C-alpha atoms as a PDB file:
ATOM      1  CA  MET A   1       5.581   3.918 -20.568  1.00  0.00           C
ATOM      2  CA  ILE A   2       3.484   7.037 -19.751  1.00  0.00           C
ATOM      3  CA  LYS A   3       0.256   5.093 -20.424  1.00  0.00           C
ATOM      4  CA  LEU A   4       1.384   2.309 -18.126  1.00  0.00           C
ATOM      5  CA  HIS A   5       2.226   4.862 -15.430  1.00  0.00           C
ATOM      6  CA  ARG A   6      -1.201   6.450 -15.776  1.00  0.00           C
ATOM      7  CA  PHE A   7      -2.871   3.042 -15.742  1.00  0.00           C
ATOM      8  CA  ILE A   8      -1.084   2.018 -12.524  1.00  0.00           C
ATOM      9  CA  ASN A   9      -1.857   5.393 -10.929  1.00  0.00           C
ATOM     10  CA  ARG A  10      -5.566   4.965 -11.751  1.00  0.00           C
ATOM     11  CA  LEU A  11      -5.483   1.488 -10.244  1.00  0.00           C
ATOM     12  CA  THR A  12      -3.770   2.794  -7.059  1.00  0.00           C
ATOM     13  CA  ASP A  13      -6.284   5.602  -6.831  1.00  0.00           C
ATOM     14  CA  PHE A  14      -9.001   2.908  -6.934  1.00  0.00           C
ATOM     15  CA  THR A  15      -7.381   0.784  -4.277  1.00  0.00           C
ATOM     16  CA  GLY A  16      -6.638   3.900  -2.265  1.00  0.00           C
ATOM     17  CA  TRP A  17     -10.372   4.699  -2.194  1.00  0.00           C
ATOM     18  CA  ILE A  18     -11.065   1.128  -1.061  1.00  0.00           C
ATOM     19  CA  ALA A  19      -8.595   1.660   1.785  1.00  0.00           C
ATOM     20  CA  LEU A  20     -10.316   4.971   2.682  1.00  0.00           C
ATOM     21  CA  GLY A  21     -13.646   3.214   2.766  1.00  0.00           C
ATOM     22  CA  PHE A  22     -12.416   0.573   5.179  1.00  0.00           C
ATOM     23  CA  LEU A  23     -10.757   3.357   7.302  1.00  0.00           C
ATOM     24  CA  ALA A  24     -14.114   5.115   7.492  1.00  0.00           C
ATOM     25  CA  PHE A  25     -15.808   1.911   8.493  1.00  0.00           C
ATOM     26  CA  MET A  26     -13.277   1.467  11.262  1.00  0.00           C
ATOM     27  CA  MET A  27     -13.678   5.022  12.507  1.00  0.00           C
ATOM     28  CA  PHE A  28     -17.492   4.945  12.577  1.00  0.00           C
ATOM     29  CA  GLY A  29     -17.620   1.316  13.827  1.00  0.00           C
ATOM     30  CA  ILE A  30     -15.233   1.897  16.721  1.00  0.00           C
ATOM     31  CA  THR A  31     -16.964   5.120  17.595  1.00  0.00           C
ATOM     32  CA  LEU A  32     -20.329   3.332  17.648  1.00  0.00           C
ATOM     33  CA  ASP A  33     -18.781   0.588  19.737  1.00  0.00           C
ATOM     34  CA  VAL A  34     -17.479   3.039  22.314  1.00  0.00           C
ATOM     35  CA  VAL A  35     -20.880   4.786  22.585  1.00  0.00           C
ATOM     36  CA  LEU A  36     -22.800   1.446  22.824  1.00  0.00           C
ATOM     37  CA  ARG A  37     -20.373   0.166  25.442  1.00  0.00           C
ATOM     38  CA  ALA A  38     -20.807   3.376  27.506  1.00  0.00           C
ATOM     39  CA  LEU A  39     -24.591   3.225  27.188  1.00  0.00           C
ATOM     40  CA  THR A  40     -25.377  -0.472  27.419  1.00  0.00           C
ATOM     41  CA  GLY A  41     -22.117  -2.065  28.564  1.00  0.00           C
ATOM     42  CA  LYS A  42     -22.122  -4.351  25.525  1.00  0.00           C
ATOM     43  CA  PRO A  43     -19.950  -4.240  22.432  1.00  0.00           C
ATOM     44  CA  VAL A  44     -21.084  -4.214  18.788  1.00  0.00           C
ATOM     45  CA  PRO A  45     -21.056  -7.921  17.902  1.00  0.00           C
ATOM     46  CA  GLY A  46     -18.344  -8.911  15.401  1.00  0.00           C
ATOM     47  CA  LEU A  47     -16.773  -5.401  15.284  1.00  0.00           C
ATOM     48  CA  PHE A  48     -13.435  -6.664  16.579  1.00  0.00           C
ATOM     49  CA  GLU A  49     -13.156  -9.285  13.801  1.00  0.00           C
ATOM     50  CA  MET A  50     -14.304  -6.808  11.084  1.00  0.00           C
ATOM     51  CA  SER A  51     -11.826  -4.183  12.421  1.00  0.00           C
ATOM     52  CA  GLU A  52      -8.976  -6.709  12.001  1.00  0.00           C
ATOM     53  CA  MET A  53      -9.931  -7.301   8.410  1.00  0.00           C
ATOM     54  CA  SER A  54     -10.354  -3.593   7.797  1.00  0.00           C
ATOM     55  CA  MET A  55      -6.845  -2.832   9.042  1.00  0.00           C
ATOM     56  CA  VAL A  56      -5.468  -5.340   6.520  1.00  0.00           C
ATOM     57  CA  MET A  57      -7.411  -3.616   3.773  1.00  0.00           C
ATOM     58  CA  VAL A  58      -6.224  -0.155   4.826  1.00  0.00           C
ATOM     59  CA  VAL A  59      -2.594  -1.241   4.754  1.00  0.00           C
ATOM     60  CA  PHE A  60      -2.410  -3.290   1.606  1.00  0.00           C
ATOM     61  CA  MET A  61      -4.929  -1.347  -0.514  1.00  0.00           C
ATOM     62  CA  GLY A  62      -3.341   1.945   0.603  1.00  0.00           C
ATOM     63  CA  LEU A  63       0.197   0.687  -0.137  1.00  0.00           C
ATOM     64  CA  GLY A  64       0.013   1.612  -3.825  1.00  0.00           C
ATOM     65  CA  TRP A  65      -1.538   5.017  -3.127  1.00  0.00           C
ATOM     66  CA  ALA A  66       1.231   5.924  -0.725  1.00  0.00           C
ATOM     67  CA  GLN A  67       3.811   4.864  -3.367  1.00  0.00           C
ATOM     68  CA  SER A  68       2.172   6.876  -6.187  1.00  0.00           C
ATOM     69  CA  ASP A  69       1.918   9.906  -3.916  1.00  0.00           C
ATOM     70  CA  ASP A  70       5.569   9.522  -2.839  1.00  0.00           C
ATOM     71  CA  ALA A  71       4.415   9.338   0.754  1.00  0.00           C
ATOM     72  CA  HIS A  72       7.020   6.699   1.951  1.00  0.00           C
ATOM     73  CA  ILE A  73       9.825   7.708   4.158  1.00  0.00           C
ATOM     74  CA  ARG A  74      13.127   7.943   2.366  1.00  0.00           C
ATOM     75  CA  VAL A  75      16.627   8.848   3.607  1.00  0.00           C
ATOM     76  CA  THR A  76      18.865  10.448   0.975  1.00  0.00           C
ATOM     77  CA  MET A  77      21.682  11.723   3.145  1.00  0.00           C
ATOM     78  CA  LEU A  78      24.293   9.560   1.447  1.00  0.00           C
ATOM     79  CA  THR A  79      22.903   9.653  -2.121  1.00  0.00           C
ATOM     80  CA  ASP A  80      22.582  13.449  -2.062  1.00  0.00           C
ATOM     81  CA  LYS A  81      26.414  13.620  -2.114  1.00  0.00           C
ATOM     82  CA  PHE A  82      26.636  11.490  -5.323  1.00  0.00           C
ATOM     83  CA  SER A  83      26.800  12.873  -8.787  1.00  0.00           C
ATOM     84  CA  PRO A  84      23.486  12.960 -10.646  1.00  0.00           C
ATOM     85  CA  THR A  85      24.399   9.790 -12.601  1.00  0.00           C
ATOM     86  CA  TRP A  86      25.383   7.827  -9.445  1.00  0.00           C
ATOM     87  CA  GLN A  87      22.307   9.203  -7.671  1.00  0.00           C
ATOM     88  CA  ARG A  88      20.112   7.752 -10.475  1.00  0.00           C
ATOM     89  CA  LEU A  89      21.919   4.372 -10.400  1.00  0.00           C
ATOM     90  CA  ALA A  90      21.731   4.019  -6.632  1.00  0.00           C
ATOM     91  CA  THR A  91      18.060   5.003  -6.595  1.00  0.00           C
ATOM     92  CA  THR A  92      17.293   2.580  -9.381  1.00  0.00           C
ATOM     93  CA  LEU A  93      19.111  -0.199  -7.498  1.00  0.00           C
ATOM     94  CA  ALA A  94      17.155   0.673  -4.330  1.00  0.00           C
ATOM     95  CA  TRP A  95      13.790   0.425  -6.250  1.00  0.00           C
ATOM     96  CA  LEU A  96      14.872  -2.840  -7.779  1.00  0.00           C
ATOM     97  CA  LEU A  97      15.745  -4.320  -4.392  1.00  0.00           C
ATOM     98  CA  ALA A  98      12.365  -2.985  -2.990  1.00  0.00           C
ATOM     99  CA  ALA A  99      10.650  -4.737  -5.958  1.00  0.00           C
ATOM    100  CA  LEU A 100      12.528  -7.953  -5.184  1.00  0.00           C
ATOM    101  CA  ALA A 101      11.542  -7.791  -1.467  1.00  0.00           C
ATOM    102  CA  LEU A 102       7.899  -7.164  -2.436  1.00  0.00           C
ATOM    103  CA  LEU A 103       8.048 -10.002  -4.970  1.00  0.00           C
ATOM    104  CA  MET A 104       9.300 -12.342  -2.197  1.00  0.00           C
ATOM    105  CA  LEU A 105       6.214 -11.415  -0.259  1.00  0.00           C
ATOM    106  CA  ALA A 106       3.744 -11.357  -3.201  1.00  0.00           C
ATOM    107  CA  TYR A 107       4.399 -14.839  -4.490  1.00  0.00           C
ATOM    108  CA  PRO A 108       3.730 -16.819  -1.319  1.00  0.00           C
ATOM    109  CA  SER A 109       0.870 -14.452  -0.468  1.00  0.00           C
ATOM    110  CA  THR A 110      -0.732 -15.362  -3.818  1.00  0.00           C
ATOM    111  CA  LEU A 111      -0.329 -19.072  -3.123  1.00  0.00           C
ATOM    112  CA  GLU A 112      -1.908 -18.611   0.313  1.00  0.00           C
ATOM    113  CA  ALA A 113      -4.751 -16.590  -1.170  1.00  0.00           C
ATOM    114  CA  ILE A 114      -5.487 -19.269  -3.744  1.00  0.00           C
ATOM    115  CA  TYR A 115      -5.494 -21.953  -1.040  1.00  0.00           C
ATOM    116  CA  SER A 116      -7.588 -19.803   1.301  1.00  0.00           C
ATOM    117  CA  PHE A 117     -10.178 -19.202  -1.418  1.00  0.00           C
ATOM    118  CA  SER A 118     -10.250 -22.887  -2.319  1.00  0.00           C
ATOM    119  CA  ILE A 119     -11.241 -23.827   1.165  1.00  0.00           C
ATOM    120  CA  ARG A 120     -13.363 -20.700   1.761  1.00  0.00           C
ATOM    121  CA  GLU A 121     -11.272 -19.978   4.880  1.00  0.00           C
ATOM    122  CA  PHE A 122     -12.971 -18.220   7.762  1.00  0.00           C
ATOM    123  CA  ARG A 123     -12.111 -17.064  11.273  1.00  0.00           C
ATOM    124  CA  TRP A 124     -14.136 -17.770  14.342  1.00  0.00           C
ATOM    125  CA  GLY A 125     -14.942 -14.849  16.623  1.00  0.00           C
ATOM    126  CA  TYR A 126     -18.273 -13.625  17.814  1.00  0.00           C
ATOM    127  CA  PHE A 127     -19.472 -15.066  14.566  1.00  0.00           C
ATOM    128  CA  GLN A 128     -17.920 -16.697  11.532  1.00  0.00           C
ATOM    129  CA  VAL A 129     -15.916 -14.219   9.377  1.00  0.00           C
ATOM    130  CA  PRO A 130     -14.698 -15.147   5.951  1.00  0.00           C
ATOM    131  CA  ILE A 131     -11.030 -14.109   5.510  1.00  0.00           C
ATOM    132  CA  TRP A 132     -10.216 -15.513   2.026  1.00  0.00           C
ATOM    133  CA  TRP A 133     -11.188 -12.210   0.431  1.00  0.00           C
ATOM    134  CA  ALA A 134      -8.729 -10.229   2.600  1.00  0.00           C
ATOM    135  CA  LYS A 135      -5.867 -12.690   1.637  1.00  0.00           C
ATOM    136  CA  ILE A 136      -6.707 -12.021  -2.017  1.00  0.00           C
ATOM    137  CA  ALA A 137      -6.573  -8.262  -1.354  1.00  0.00           C
ATOM    138  CA  VAL A 138      -3.196  -8.625   0.294  1.00  0.00           C
ATOM    139  CA  ALA A 139      -1.782 -10.460  -2.747  1.00  0.00           C
ATOM    140  CA  ILE A 140      -3.308  -7.891  -5.120  1.00  0.00           C
ATOM    141  CA  GLY A 141      -1.801  -4.972  -3.031  1.00  0.00           C
ATOM    142  CA  LEU A 142       1.581  -6.644  -3.037  1.00  0.00           C
ATOM    143  CA  TRP A 143       1.596  -7.329  -6.799  1.00  0.00           C
ATOM    144  CA  LEU A 144       0.516  -3.794  -7.475  1.00  0.00           C
ATOM    145  CA  ALA A 145       3.443  -2.616  -5.321  1.00  0.00           C
ATOM    146  CA  VAL A 146       5.833  -4.842  -7.253  1.00  0.00           C
ATOM    147  CA  ALA A 147       4.617  -3.342 -10.563  1.00  0.00           C
ATOM    148  CA  GLN A 148       4.971   0.244  -9.163  1.00  0.00           C
ATOM    149  CA  THR A 149       8.473  -0.226  -7.872  1.00  0.00           C
ATOM    150  CA  LEU A 150       9.615  -1.788 -11.125  1.00  0.00           C
ATOM    151  CA  LEU A 151       8.098   0.993 -13.081  1.00  0.00           C
ATOM    152  CA  HIS A 152       9.565   3.596 -10.710  1.00  0.00           C
ATOM    153  CA  ALA A 153      13.017   1.980 -11.123  1.00  0.00           C
ATOM    154  CA  LEU A 154      12.650   2.261 -14.884  1.00  0.00           C
ATOM    155  CA  LEU A 155      11.571   5.868 -14.670  1.00  0.00           C
ATOM    156  CA  VAL A 156      14.451   6.792 -12.380  1.00  0.00           C
ATOM    157  CA  LEU A 157      16.886   4.969 -14.614  1.00  0.00           C
ATOM    158  CA  THR A 158      15.722   6.836 -17.725  1.00  0.00           C
ATOM    159  CA  GLY A 159      15.765  10.239 -15.943  1.00  0.00           C
ATOM    160  CA  ARG A 160      11.967  10.614 -15.815  1.00  0.00           C
ATOM    161  CA  ASP A 161      11.454  10.255 -12.061  1.00  0.00           C
ATOM    162  CA  PRO A 162       8.043  11.675 -11.289  1.00  0.00           C
ATOM    163  CA  HIS A 163       9.039  12.386  -7.683  1.00  0.00           C
ATOM    164  CA  ARG A 164      12.403  13.982  -8.357  1.00  0.00           C
ATOM    165  CA  GLN A 165      13.055  16.878  -5.922  1.00  0.00           C
ATOM    166  CA  LEU A 166      14.118  20.110  -7.290  1.00  0.00           C
ATOM    167  CA  PRO A 167      17.537  21.445  -6.072  1.00  0.00           C
ATOM    168  CA  GLU A 168      17.125  23.928  -3.186  1.00  0.00           C
ATOM    169  CA  ALA A 169      18.229  26.891  -5.290  1.00  0.00           C
ATOM    170  CA  THR A 170      15.610  26.141  -8.005  1.00  0.00           C
ATOM    171  CA  ALA A 171      12.897  25.555  -5.388  1.00  0.00           C
ATOM    172  CA  ASN A 172      13.722  28.902  -3.697  1.00  0.00           C
ATOM    173  CA  GLN A 173      13.473  30.681  -7.072  1.00  0.00           C
ATOM    174  CA  LEU A 174       9.974  29.350  -7.581  1.00  0.00           C
ATOM    175  CA  LEU A 175       8.823  30.836  -4.222  1.00  0.00           C
END
């Protein structure tokens, strides 16, 4: 299970770097667009369409990275009052429900990506922009999130939660 966890983390690191690349593209592209609009009064052709696609890539390729880094928002006010066993069970159930919700998104997304690729779908804007590749990336990001949440549920259930917070007393002793 440790090897699977490492493999998924490497995969999410890779997709996270892809997300950062698209974020950098958006930052530089929009900055260039603002400067050119100020100087010439004309936008960068096609930047709007490419920014839309980049935002999709930032969200769905970065999804796994946020999960592996434990960067999602979580409210534990109720579960903190449970015994350790019940905390583990409730957290496992929450991860399983998250996996189910992601699965319900990943499956139709995959069907849509297959269809989009088969017709080489594109979007008209300033110029023709292929969008089939972004739909494939969405499906990949969602399936990776499903795998991560299932693995995380298993790790929590077996008491090997990689993101388990230390009790306050223990954390204060470490300082």
